[in-house]
N, C-alpha and C. Protein backbone atom coordinates (compact mmCIF):
# COMPACT_ATOMS: atom_id res chain seq x y z
N UNK A 1 0.84 -1.18 0.00
CA UNK A 1 0.00 0.00 0.00
C UNK A 1 0.89 1.24 0.00
N UNK A 2 0.55 2.17 -0.86
CA UNK A 2 1.26 3.43 -0.93
C UNK A 2 0.74 4.38 0.14
N UNK A 3 1.56 5.32 0.55
CA UNK A 3 1.17 6.32 1.54
C UNK A 3 -0.06 7.09 1.07
N UNK A 4 -0.14 7.36 -0.26
CA UNK A 4 -1.27 8.13 -0.79
C UNK A 4 -2.59 7.38 -0.70
N UNK A 5 -2.54 6.07 -0.53
CA UNK A 5 -3.79 5.29 -0.44
C UNK A 5 -4.65 5.76 0.73
N UNK A 6 -4.04 6.22 1.81
CA UNK A 6 -4.83 6.68 2.96
C UNK A 6 -5.69 7.87 2.57
N UNK A 7 -5.13 8.81 1.84
CA UNK A 7 -5.89 9.97 1.40
C UNK A 7 -6.98 9.59 0.42
N UNK A 8 -6.68 8.67 -0.47
CA UNK A 8 -7.67 8.20 -1.44
C UNK A 8 -8.81 7.49 -0.73
N UNK A 9 -8.46 6.68 0.25
CA UNK A 9 -9.50 5.98 1.01
C UNK A 9 -10.37 6.96 1.79
N UNK A 10 -9.76 7.99 2.36
CA UNK A 10 -10.55 9.01 3.07
C UNK A 10 -11.48 9.73 2.11
N UNK A 11 -10.98 10.05 0.93
CA UNK A 11 -11.82 10.70 -0.08
C UNK A 11 -13.02 9.82 -0.42
N UNK A 12 -12.79 8.55 -0.63
CA UNK A 12 -13.90 7.63 -0.93
C UNK A 12 -14.89 7.56 0.21
N UNK A 13 -14.37 7.48 1.43
CA UNK A 13 -15.22 7.35 2.60
C UNK A 13 -16.07 8.61 2.81
N UNK A 14 -15.47 9.78 2.65
CA UNK A 14 -16.17 11.02 2.93
C UNK A 14 -17.05 11.50 1.78
N UNK A 15 -16.64 11.24 0.55
CA UNK A 15 -17.34 11.82 -0.59
C UNK A 15 -17.74 10.80 -1.65
N UNK A 16 -17.64 9.53 -1.30
CA UNK A 16 -17.86 8.47 -2.26
C UNK A 16 -19.25 8.43 -2.89
N UNK A 17 -20.24 8.97 -2.21
CA UNK A 17 -21.61 8.95 -2.73
C UNK A 17 -21.93 10.18 -3.59
N UNK A 18 -21.04 11.17 -3.58
CA UNK A 18 -21.31 12.42 -4.31
C UNK A 18 -21.00 12.27 -5.79
N UNK A 19 -21.72 13.03 -6.60
CA UNK A 19 -21.39 13.16 -8.01
C UNK A 19 -20.82 14.55 -8.22
N UNK A 20 -19.72 14.62 -8.95
CA UNK A 20 -19.08 15.91 -9.20
C UNK A 20 -18.82 16.06 -10.69
N UNK A 21 -18.66 17.30 -11.12
CA UNK A 21 -18.32 17.55 -12.52
C UNK A 21 -16.81 17.70 -12.66
N UNK A 22 -16.33 17.54 -13.87
CA UNK A 22 -14.91 17.78 -14.11
C UNK A 22 -14.56 19.24 -13.92
N UNK A 23 -15.52 20.13 -14.18
CA UNK A 23 -15.29 21.55 -13.91
C UNK A 23 -15.03 21.78 -12.42
N UNK A 24 -15.83 21.12 -11.57
CA UNK A 24 -15.65 21.25 -10.12
C UNK A 24 -14.27 20.73 -9.72
N UNK A 25 -13.89 19.57 -10.24
CA UNK A 25 -12.59 18.98 -9.92
C UNK A 25 -11.45 19.89 -10.38
N UNK A 26 -11.57 20.43 -11.59
CA UNK A 26 -10.53 21.33 -12.10
C UNK A 26 -10.36 22.55 -11.20
N UNK A 27 -11.47 23.10 -10.72
CA UNK A 27 -11.39 24.25 -9.81
C UNK A 27 -10.72 23.88 -8.50
N UNK A 28 -11.05 22.70 -7.96
CA UNK A 28 -10.43 22.27 -6.70
C UNK A 28 -8.93 22.07 -6.89
N UNK A 29 -8.52 21.50 -8.04
CA UNK A 29 -7.09 21.32 -8.31
C UNK A 29 -6.38 22.66 -8.42
N UNK A 30 -7.02 23.64 -9.07
CA UNK A 30 -6.42 24.98 -9.16
C UNK A 30 -6.28 25.60 -7.77
N UNK A 31 -7.32 25.47 -6.96
CA UNK A 31 -7.26 26.00 -5.59
C UNK A 31 -6.13 25.35 -4.80
N UNK A 32 -6.00 24.04 -4.95
CA UNK A 32 -4.95 23.32 -4.23
C UNK A 32 -3.57 23.83 -4.63
N UNK A 33 -3.34 24.00 -5.92
CA UNK A 33 -2.04 24.48 -6.39
C UNK A 33 -1.80 25.92 -5.94
N UNK A 34 -2.85 26.73 -5.91
CA UNK A 34 -2.69 28.10 -5.41
C UNK A 34 -2.23 28.08 -3.95
N UNK A 35 -2.78 27.16 -3.16
CA UNK A 35 -2.41 27.06 -1.75
C UNK A 35 -1.08 26.35 -1.53
N UNK A 36 -0.74 25.44 -2.45
CA UNK A 36 0.46 24.60 -2.31
C UNK A 36 1.22 24.57 -3.64
N UNK A 37 1.85 25.67 -4.02
CA UNK A 37 2.51 25.72 -5.34
C UNK A 37 3.61 24.68 -5.53
N UNK A 38 4.13 24.14 -4.44
CA UNK A 38 5.16 23.11 -4.57
C UNK A 38 4.63 21.82 -5.19
N UNK A 39 3.30 21.68 -5.26
CA UNK A 39 2.68 20.50 -5.85
C UNK A 39 2.19 20.74 -7.28
N UNK A 40 2.62 21.83 -7.89
CA UNK A 40 2.17 22.16 -9.24
C UNK A 40 2.48 21.04 -10.23
N UNK A 41 3.70 20.52 -10.21
CA UNK A 41 4.08 19.48 -11.17
C UNK A 41 3.29 18.19 -10.98
N UNK A 42 3.19 17.64 -9.76
CA UNK A 42 2.39 16.42 -9.62
C UNK A 42 0.92 16.60 -10.00
N UNK A 43 0.34 17.75 -9.67
CA UNK A 43 -1.06 17.99 -10.03
C UNK A 43 -1.19 18.08 -11.55
N UNK A 44 -0.25 18.74 -12.18
CA UNK A 44 -0.28 18.84 -13.65
C UNK A 44 -0.16 17.46 -14.28
N UNK A 45 0.70 16.62 -13.73
CA UNK A 45 0.86 15.25 -14.27
C UNK A 45 -0.40 14.43 -14.08
N UNK A 46 -1.02 14.55 -12.91
CA UNK A 46 -2.28 13.83 -12.66
C UNK A 46 -3.36 14.30 -13.62
N UNK A 47 -3.51 15.61 -13.78
CA UNK A 47 -4.54 16.15 -14.67
C UNK A 47 -4.30 15.70 -16.11
N UNK A 48 -3.06 15.71 -16.55
CA UNK A 48 -2.74 15.27 -17.91
C UNK A 48 -3.02 13.78 -18.07
N UNK A 49 -2.66 13.00 -17.09
CA UNK A 49 -2.92 11.56 -17.14
C UNK A 49 -4.42 11.28 -17.22
N UNK A 50 -5.21 11.97 -16.37
CA UNK A 50 -6.66 11.80 -16.41
C UNK A 50 -7.24 12.23 -17.75
N UNK A 51 -6.74 13.32 -18.29
CA UNK A 51 -7.25 13.83 -19.56
C UNK A 51 -6.99 12.86 -20.71
N UNK A 52 -5.92 12.09 -20.61
CA UNK A 52 -5.51 11.22 -21.73
C UNK A 52 -5.82 9.75 -21.50
N UNK A 53 -6.58 9.41 -20.50
CA UNK A 53 -6.85 7.99 -20.18
C UNK A 53 -7.36 7.19 -21.37
N UNK A 54 -8.22 7.76 -22.15
CA UNK A 54 -8.81 7.04 -23.28
C UNK A 54 -8.07 7.24 -24.59
N UNK A 55 -6.95 7.94 -24.53
CA UNK A 55 -6.18 8.24 -25.73
C UNK A 55 -5.31 7.03 -26.07
N UNK A 56 -5.58 6.35 -27.19
CA UNK A 56 -4.83 5.14 -27.51
C UNK A 56 -3.34 5.39 -27.80
N UNK A 57 -2.96 6.61 -28.07
CA UNK A 57 -1.57 6.91 -28.41
C UNK A 57 -0.68 6.98 -27.18
N UNK A 58 -1.25 7.12 -26.00
CA UNK A 58 -0.43 7.28 -24.78
C UNK A 58 -0.29 6.00 -24.03
């Protein structure tokens, strides 16, 4: 188990029943990076990975 699994599990536990839009998620990611600019690169990589999940070229 990775250290990040704890945060993911908490997210599922607290908000697992909610439906959200990608616009909402994008805003939360922007807010997070504004508060924690040192995480800009990992957030950018996650967003890019999510955006390209269905892209057969990647």
